[in-house]
PDB file of N, CA and C in Angstrom:
ATOM      1  N   MET A   1       0.758  -1.154   0.001  1.00  0.00           N
ATOM      2  CA  MET A   1      -0.017  -0.052  -0.148  1.00  0.00           C
ATOM      3  C   MET A   1       0.958   1.270   0.006  1.00  0.00           C
ATOM      4  N   THR A   2       0.603   2.141  -0.785  1.00  0.00           N
ATOM      5  CA  THR A   2       1.365   3.328  -0.969  1.00  0.00           C
ATOM      6  C   THR A   2       0.606   4.639  -0.128  1.00  0.00           C
ATOM      7  N   PRO A   3       1.556   5.413   0.624  1.00  0.00           N
ATOM      8  CA  PRO A   3       0.822   6.586   1.175  1.00  0.00           C
ATOM      9  C   PRO A   3       0.141   7.449   0.370  1.00  0.00           C
ATOM     10  N   PRO A   4      -0.942   8.267   1.067  1.00  0.00           N
ATOM     11  CA  PRO A   4      -1.617   9.125   0.377  1.00  0.00           C
ATOM     12  C   PRO A   4      -0.622  10.279  -0.380  1.00  0.00           C
ATOM     13  N   LEU A   5      -1.270  10.790  -1.455  1.00  0.00           N
ATOM     14  CA  LEU A   5      -0.441  11.947  -1.965  1.00  0.00           C
ATOM     15  C   LEU A   5      -0.257  13.081  -1.192  1.00  0.00           C
ATOM     16  N   GLU A   6      -1.262  13.559  -0.306  1.00  0.00           N
ATOM     17  CA  GLU A   6      -0.933  14.542   0.625  1.00  0.00           C
ATOM     18  C   GLU A   6      -1.862  14.214   1.810  1.00  0.00           C
ATOM     19  N   THR A   7      -1.508  14.596   2.932  1.00  0.00           N
ATOM     20  CA  THR A   7      -2.138  14.507   4.305  1.00  0.00           C
ATOM     21  C   THR A   7      -2.357  15.765   4.981  1.00  0.00           C
ATOM     22  N   VAL A   8      -3.675  16.203   5.385  1.00  0.00           N
ATOM     23  CA  VAL A   8      -3.610  17.332   6.147  1.00  0.00           C
ATOM     24  C   VAL A   8      -4.135  16.890   7.543  1.00  0.00           C
ATOM     25  N   ARG A   9      -3.464  17.388   8.639  1.00  0.00           N
ATOM     26  CA  ARG A   9      -3.984  17.048  10.007  1.00  0.00           C
ATOM     27  C   ARG A   9      -4.931  18.393  10.322  1.00  0.00           C
ATOM     28  N   THR A  10      -5.994  17.890  11.093  1.00  0.00           N
ATOM     29  CA  THR A  10      -6.917  18.792  11.368  1.00  0.00           C
ATOM     30  C   THR A  10      -7.425  18.537  12.788  1.00  0.00           C
ATOM     31  N   SER A  11      -7.953  19.495  13.566  1.00  0.00           N
ATOM     32  CA  SER A  11      -8.684  19.360  14.857  1.00  0.00           C
ATOM     33  C   SER A  11     -10.065  19.140  14.622  1.00  0.00           C
ATOM     34  N   GLN A  12     -10.701  19.180  13.442  1.00  0.00           N
ATOM     35  CA  GLN A  12     -12.138  19.116  13.151  1.00  0.00           C
ATOM     36  C   GLN A  12     -12.575  17.707  12.584  1.00  0.00           C
ATOM     37  N   ARG A  13     -13.650  17.194  13.092  1.00  0.00           N
ATOM     38  CA  ARG A  13     -14.054  15.769  12.674  1.00  0.00           C
ATOM     39  C   ARG A  13     -14.606  16.054  11.149  1.00  0.00           C
ATOM     40  N   ARG A  14     -15.270  17.194  10.877  1.00  0.00           N
ATOM     41  CA  ARG A  14     -16.004  17.678   9.772  1.00  0.00           C
ATOM     42  C   ARG A  14     -15.010  18.468   8.787  1.00  0.00           C
ATOM     43  N   VAL A  15     -14.554  18.064   7.476  1.00  0.00           N
ATOM     44  CA  VAL A  15     -13.867  18.798   6.805  1.00  0.00           C
ATOM     45  C   VAL A  15     -14.343  19.023   5.431  1.00  0.00           C
ATOM     46  N   ALA A  16     -13.853  20.024   4.539  1.00  0.00           N
ATOM     47  CA  ALA A  16     -14.107  20.201   3.333  1.00  0.00           C
ATOM     48  C   ALA A  16     -12.774  20.087   2.420  1.00  0.00           C
ATOM     49  N   CYS A  17     -13.073  19.617   1.272  1.00  0.00           N
ATOM     50  CA  CYS A  17     -12.097  19.356   0.142  1.00  0.00           C
ATOM     51  C   CYS A  17     -12.363  19.835  -1.095  1.00  0.00           C
ATOM     52  N   ASP A  18     -11.561  20.479  -1.630  1.00  0.00           N
ATOM     53  CA  ASP A  18     -11.997  21.010  -3.245  1.00  0.00           C
ATOM     54  C   ASP A  18     -10.883  20.729  -4.116  1.00  0.00           C
ATOM     55  N   GLY A  19      -9.807  20.037  -3.534  1.00  0.00           N
ATOM     56  CA  GLY A  19      -8.567  19.643  -4.437  1.00  0.00           C
ATOM     57  C   GLY A  19      -7.712  20.575  -4.716  1.00  0.00           C
ATOM     58  N   ALA A  20      -8.060  21.985  -4.373  1.00  0.00           N
ATOM     59  CA  ALA A  20      -7.218  23.076  -4.726  1.00  0.00           C
ATOM     60  C   ALA A  20      -6.892  23.917  -3.562  1.00  0.00           C
ATOM     61  N   GLN A  21      -6.869  23.670  -2.468  1.00  0.00           N
ATOM     62  CA  GLN A  21      -6.619  24.478  -1.386  1.00  0.00           C
ATOM     63  C   GLN A  21      -5.148  25.137  -1.447  1.00  0.00           C
ATOM     64  N   ASP A  22      -4.100  24.626  -2.048  1.00  0.00           N
ATOM     65  CA  ASP A  22      -2.892  25.200  -2.055  1.00  0.00           C
ATOM     66  C   ASP A  22      -2.373  25.487  -3.526  1.00  0.00           C
ATOM     67  N   ILE A  23      -3.284  25.409  -4.497  1.00  0.00           N
ATOM     68  CA  ILE A  23      -3.165  25.699  -5.857  1.00  0.00           C
ATOM     69  C   ILE A  23      -3.446  27.114  -6.150  1.00  0.00           C
ATOM     70  N   PRO A  24      -2.378  27.962  -6.752  1.00  0.00           N
ATOM     71  CA  PRO A  24      -2.959  29.183  -7.349  1.00  0.00           C
ATOM     72  C   PRO A  24      -3.752  28.966  -8.151  1.00  0.00           C
ATOM     73  N   GLY A  25      -4.798  30.000  -8.324  1.00  0.00           N
ATOM     74  CA  GLY A  25      -5.878  29.694  -9.249  1.00  0.00           C
ATOM     75  C   GLY A  25      -7.348  29.204  -8.444  1.00  0.00           C
ATOM     76  N   GLY A  26      -6.767  28.584  -7.416  1.00  0.00           N
ATOM     77  CA  GLY A  26      -8.130  28.162  -6.624  1.00  0.00           C
ATOM     78  C   GLY A  26      -9.017  26.809  -7.106  1.00  0.00           C
ATOM     79  N   ALA A  27     -10.253  26.961  -6.858  1.00  0.00           N
ATOM     80  CA  ALA A  27     -11.135  25.761  -7.014  1.00  0.00           C
ATOM     81  C   ALA A  27     -11.338  25.573  -8.692  1.00  0.00           C
ATOM     82  N   ALA A  28     -11.161  26.543  -9.307  1.00  0.00           N
ATOM     83  CA  ALA A  28     -11.086  26.162 -10.882  1.00  0.00           C
ATOM     84  C   ALA A  28     -10.266  24.945 -11.344  1.00  0.00           C
ATOM     85  N   LEU A  29      -9.228  24.889 -10.478  1.00  0.00           N
ATOM     86  CA  LEU A  29      -8.258  23.837 -10.916  1.00  0.00           C
ATOM     87  C   LEU A  29      -8.577  22.494 -10.234  1.00  0.00           C
ATOM     88  N   GLY A  30      -9.417  22.493  -9.356  1.00  0.00           N
ATOM     89  CA  GLY A  30      -9.620  21.348  -8.384  1.00  0.00           C
ATOM     90  C   GLY A  30     -10.567  20.630  -8.760  1.00  0.00           C
ATOM     91  N   HIS A  31     -11.756  20.038  -7.652  1.00  0.00           N
ATOM     92  CA  HIS A  31     -12.794  19.369  -7.943  1.00  0.00           C
ATOM     93  C   HIS A  31     -14.020  19.910  -7.115  1.00  0.00           C
ATOM     94  N   PRO A  32     -15.166  19.443  -7.274  1.00  0.00           N
ATOM     95  CA  PRO A  32     -16.363  19.993  -6.703  1.00  0.00           C
ATOM     96  C   PRO A  32     -15.875  19.626  -5.187  1.00  0.00           C
ATOM     97  N   ARG A  33     -16.381  20.797  -4.349  1.00  0.00           N
ATOM     98  CA  ARG A  33     -16.166  20.798  -3.186  1.00  0.00           C
ATOM     99  C   ARG A  33     -16.982  19.755  -2.362  1.00  0.00           C
ATOM    100  N   VAL A  34     -16.324  18.818  -1.613  1.00  0.00           N
ATOM    101  CA  VAL A  34     -17.046  17.699  -0.695  1.00  0.00           C
ATOM    102  C   VAL A  34     -16.944  17.989   0.628  1.00  0.00           C
ATOM    103  N   TYR A  35     -17.762  17.425   1.394  1.00  0.00           N
ATOM    104  CA  TYR A  35     -17.556  17.351   2.859  1.00  0.00           C
ATOM    105  C   TYR A  35     -17.410  16.199   3.371  1.00  0.00           C
ATOM    106  N   LEU A  36     -16.486  15.968   4.161  1.00  0.00           N
ATOM    107  CA  LEU A  36     -15.893  14.636   4.590  1.00  0.00           C
ATOM    108  C   LEU A  36     -16.047  14.385   6.290  1.00  0.00           C
ATOM    109  N   GLU A  37     -16.451  13.308   6.999  1.00  0.00           N
ATOM    110  CA  GLU A  37     -16.599  13.132   8.323  1.00  0.00           C
ATOM    111  C   GLU A  37     -15.670  12.072   8.721  1.00  0.00           C
ATOM    112  N   ILE A  38     -14.738  12.655   9.551  1.00  0.00           N
ATOM    113  CA  ILE A  38     -13.559  11.666  10.067  1.00  0.00           C
ATOM    114  C   ILE A  38     -14.443  10.667  11.243  1.00  0.00           C
ATOM    115  N   ASP A  39     -14.254   9.364  11.035  1.00  0.00           N
ATOM    116  CA  ASP A  39     -14.949   8.661  11.827  1.00  0.00           C
ATOM    117  C   ASP A  39     -13.864   8.010  13.114  1.00  0.00           C
ATOM    118  N   GLU A  40     -14.088   6.964  13.578  1.00  0.00           N
ATOM    119  CA  GLU A  40     -13.669   6.245  14.560  1.00  0.00           C
ATOM    120  C   GLU A  40     -11.959   5.813  14.183  1.00  0.00           C
ATOM    121  N   HIS A  41     -11.772   5.779  13.007  1.00  0.00           N
ATOM    122  CA  HIS A  41     -10.501   5.380  12.383  1.00  0.00           C
ATOM    123  C   HIS A  41      -9.487   6.531  12.525  1.00  0.00           C
ATOM    124  N   GLY A  42     -10.131   7.649  12.738  1.00  0.00           N
ATOM    125  CA  GLY A  42      -9.362   8.948  12.882  1.00  0.00           C
ATOM    126  C   GLY A  42      -8.684   9.496  11.690  1.00  0.00           C
ATOM    127  N   TYR A  43      -9.393   9.169  10.251  1.00  0.00           N
ATOM    128  CA  TYR A  43      -9.051   9.749   9.185  1.00  0.00           C
ATOM    129  C   TYR A  43     -10.195   9.439   8.051  1.00  0.00           C
ATOM    130  N   VAL A  44      -9.904  10.278   7.157  1.00  0.00           N
ATOM    131  CA  VAL A  44     -10.902  10.104   6.031  1.00  0.00           C
ATOM    132  C   VAL A  44     -10.135  10.457   4.624  1.00  0.00           C
ATOM    133  N   ASP A  45     -10.346   9.774   3.569  1.00  0.00           N
ATOM    134  CA  ASP A  45      -9.562  10.151   2.270  1.00  0.00           C
ATOM    135  C   ASP A  45     -10.794  10.625   1.400  1.00  0.00           C
ATOM    136  N   CYS A  46     -10.334  11.775   0.618  1.00  0.00           N
ATOM    137  CA  CYS A  46     -11.238  12.512  -0.338  1.00  0.00           C
ATOM    138  C   CYS A  46     -11.310  11.564  -1.445  1.00  0.00           C
ATOM    139  N   GLY A  47     -12.247  11.111  -2.023  1.00  0.00           N
ATOM    140  CA  GLY A  47     -12.638  10.128  -2.993  1.00  0.00           C
ATOM    141  C   GLY A  47     -12.125  10.862  -4.574  1.00  0.00           C
ATOM    142  N   TYR A  48     -12.008  12.021  -4.446  1.00  0.00           N
ATOM    143  CA  TYR A  48     -11.623  12.628  -5.889  1.00  0.00           C
ATOM    144  C   TYR A  48     -10.212  12.709  -5.787  1.00  0.00           C
ATOM    145  N   CYS A  49      -9.457  13.288  -4.861  1.00  0.00           N
ATOM    146  CA  CYS A  49      -8.038  13.556  -5.046  1.00  0.00           C
ATOM    147  C   CYS A  49      -6.976  12.736  -4.149  1.00  0.00           C
ATOM    148  N   ASP A  50      -7.669  11.922  -3.220  1.00  0.00           N
ATOM    149  CA  ASP A  50      -6.966  11.061  -2.401  1.00  0.00           C
ATOM    150  C   ASP A  50      -6.130  11.938  -1.349  1.00  0.00           C
ATOM    151  N   ARG A  51      -6.433  13.115  -0.984  1.00  0.00           N
ATOM    152  CA  ARG A  51      -6.028  13.830   0.152  1.00  0.00           C
ATOM    153  C   ARG A  51      -6.516  13.457   1.228  1.00  0.00           C
ATOM    154  N   ARG A  52      -5.609  12.874   2.231  1.00  0.00           N
ATOM    155  CA  ARG A  52      -6.008  12.265   3.548  1.00  0.00           C
ATOM    156  C   ARG A  52      -6.159  13.295   4.635  1.00  0.00           C
ATOM    157  N   PHE A  53      -7.278  13.492   5.279  1.00  0.00           N
ATOM    158  CA  PHE A  53      -7.457  14.143   6.369  1.00  0.00           C
ATOM    159  C   PHE A  53      -7.327  13.315   7.904  1.00  0.00           C
ATOM    160  N   ILE A  54      -6.355  13.852   8.690  1.00  0.00           N
ATOM    161  CA  ILE A  54      -5.876  12.972  10.025  1.00  0.00           C
ATOM    162  C   ILE A  54      -6.492  13.953  11.244  1.00  0.00           C
ATOM    163  N   LEU A  55      -7.290  13.334  11.953  1.00  0.00           N
ATOM    164  CA  LEU A  55      -7.718  13.946  13.296  1.00  0.00           C
ATOM    165  C   LEU A  55      -6.472  14.051  14.178  1.00  0.00           C
ATOM    166  N   ILE A  56      -6.070  15.299  14.561  1.00  0.00           N
ATOM    167  CA  ILE A  56      -5.074  15.416  15.431  1.00  0.00           C
ATOM    168  C   ILE A  56      -5.396  14.752  16.742  1.00  0.00           C
ATOM    169  N   GLY A  57      -4.564  13.959  17.193  1.00  0.00           N
ATOM    170  CA  GLY A  57      -4.661  13.257  18.580  1.00  0.00           C
ATOM    171  C   GLY A  57      -5.613  11.844  18.465  1.00  0.00           C
ATOM    172  N   GLY A  58      -6.001  11.565  17.134  1.00  0.00           N
ATOM    173  CA  GLY A  58      -6.772  10.592  16.733  1.00  0.00           C
ATOM    174  C   GLY A  58      -5.919   9.258  16.713  1.00  0.00           C
ATOM    175  N   PRO A  59      -6.663   8.128  16.321  1.00  0.00           N
ATOM    176  CA  PRO A  59      -5.810   6.746  16.404  1.00  0.00           C
ATOM    177  C   PRO A  59      -4.906   6.686  15.182  1.00  0.00           C
ATOM    178  N   ALA A  60      -5.186   7.423  14.285  1.00  0.00           N
ATOM    179  CA  ALA A  60      -4.170   7.603  13.062  1.00  0.00           C
ATOM    180  C   ALA A  60      -3.067   8.709  12.886  1.00  0.00           C
ATOM    181  N   ASP A  61      -3.102   9.352  13.838  1.00  0.00           N
ATOM    182  CA  ASP A  61      -2.154  10.534  14.056  1.00  0.00           C
ATOM    183  C   ASP A  61      -0.745   9.919  14.566  1.00  0.00           C
ATOM    184  N   GLY A  62       0.189  10.211  13.765  1.00  0.00           N
ATOM    185  CA  GLY A  62       1.648   9.615  14.149  1.00  0.00           C
ATOM    186  C   GLY A  62       1.928   8.224  13.600  1.00  0.00           C
ATOM    187  N   VAL A  63       0.660   7.778  12.977  1.00  0.00           N
ATOM    188  CA  VAL A  63       0.875   6.357  12.588  1.00  0.00           C
ATOM    189  C   VAL A  63       1.634   6.444  10.942  1.00  0.00           C
ATOM    190  N   ASP A  64       2.296   5.520  10.602  1.00  0.00           N
ATOM    191  CA  ASP A  64       2.844   5.367   9.156  1.00  0.00           C
ATOM    192  C   ASP A  64       1.714   5.431   8.317  1.00  0.00           C
ATOM    193  N   GLN A  65       1.472   6.276   7.377  1.00  0.00           N
ATOM    194  CA  GLN A  65       0.355   6.262   6.611  1.00  0.00           C
ATOM    195  C   GLN A  65      -0.017   5.316   5.556  1.00  0.00           C
ATOM    196  N   SER A  66       1.413   4.727   5.279  1.00  0.00           N
ATOM    197  CA  SER A  66       1.402   3.722   4.105  1.00  0.00           C
ATOM    198  C   SER A  66       0.759   2.366   4.703  1.00  0.00           C
ATOM    199  N   THR A  67       0.613   2.304   6.014  1.00  0.00           N
ATOM    200  CA  THR A  67      -0.057   0.936   6.616  1.00  0.00           C
ATOM    201  C   THR A  67      -1.458   0.816   6.752  1.00  0.00           C
ATOM    202  N   LEU A  68      -2.174   2.101   6.495  1.00  0.00           N
ATOM    203  CA  LEU A  68      -3.604   2.301   6.672  1.00  0.00           C
ATOM    204  C   LEU A  68      -4.228   2.233   5.386  1.00  0.00           C
ATOM    205  N   PRO A  69      -5.327   1.312   5.149  1.00  0.00           N
ATOM    206  CA  PRO A  69      -6.188   1.365   4.003  1.00  0.00           C
ATOM    207  C   PRO A  69      -6.835   2.633   3.751  1.00  0.00           C
ATOM    208  N   ASP A  70      -7.029   2.873   2.580  1.00  0.00           N
ATOM    209  CA  ASP A  70      -8.028   3.990   2.074  1.00  0.00           C
ATOM    210  C   ASP A  70      -9.438   3.894   2.698  1.00  0.00           C
ATOM    211  N   ILE A  71      -9.839   4.928   3.072  1.00  0.00           N
ATOM    212  CA  ILE A  71     -11.103   5.177   3.722  1.00  0.00           C
ATOM    213  C   ILE A  71     -11.738   6.245   3.224  1.00  0.00           C
ATOM    214  N   ALA A  72     -12.723   6.299   2.245  1.00  0.00           N
ATOM    215  CA  ALA A  72     -13.404   7.228   1.749  1.00  0.00           C
ATOM    216  C   ALA A  72     -14.680   7.266   2.405  1.00  0.00           C
ATOM    217  N   GLU A  73     -15.351   8.357   2.583  1.00  0.00           N
ATOM    218  CA  GLU A  73     -16.428   8.448   3.483  1.00  0.00           C
ATOM    219  C   GLU A  73     -17.679   7.538   2.540  1.00  0.00           C
ATOM    220  N   GLY A  74     -18.209   6.672   3.478  1.00  0.00           N
ATOM    221  CA  GLY A  74     -19.308   5.928   2.619  1.00  0.00           C
ATOM    222  C   GLY A  74     -18.581   4.665   2.147  1.00  0.00           C
ATOM    223  N   GLY A  75     -17.382   4.464   2.133  1.00  0.00           N
ATOM    224  CA  GLY A  75     -16.747   3.436   1.312  1.00  0.00           C
ATOM    225  C   GLY A  75     -16.501   2.316   2.402  1.00  0.00           C
ATOM    226  N   GLU A  76     -15.999   1.134   1.934  1.00  0.00           N
ATOM    227  CA  GLU A  76     -15.567  -0.181   2.600  1.00  0.00           C
ATOM    228  C   GLU A  76     -14.563   0.157   3.898  1.00  0.00           C
ATOM    229  N   ARG A  77     -14.700  -0.512   4.831  1.00  0.00           N
ATOM    230  CA  ARG A  77     -13.672  -0.433   5.752  1.00  0.00           C
ATOM    231  C   ARG A  77     -12.930  -1.605   6.161  1.00  0.00           C
TER     232      ARG A  77
END
């Protein structure tokens, strides 16, 4: 399993992703804005861009990300 392309540590369980947060030109170069919910695993992956959001202090914080399966909201666990 390979690590996600980008990880974002957050203190919020509900996050938004548009795929262009750090890209000059903004959302026009990203994907539709989606709202994701971090569950008991402590992380969630965006289904569009594979950006991983990790809950600070959660079970996935500080873990080698390449050892964790992909978990997109509503996906298989």
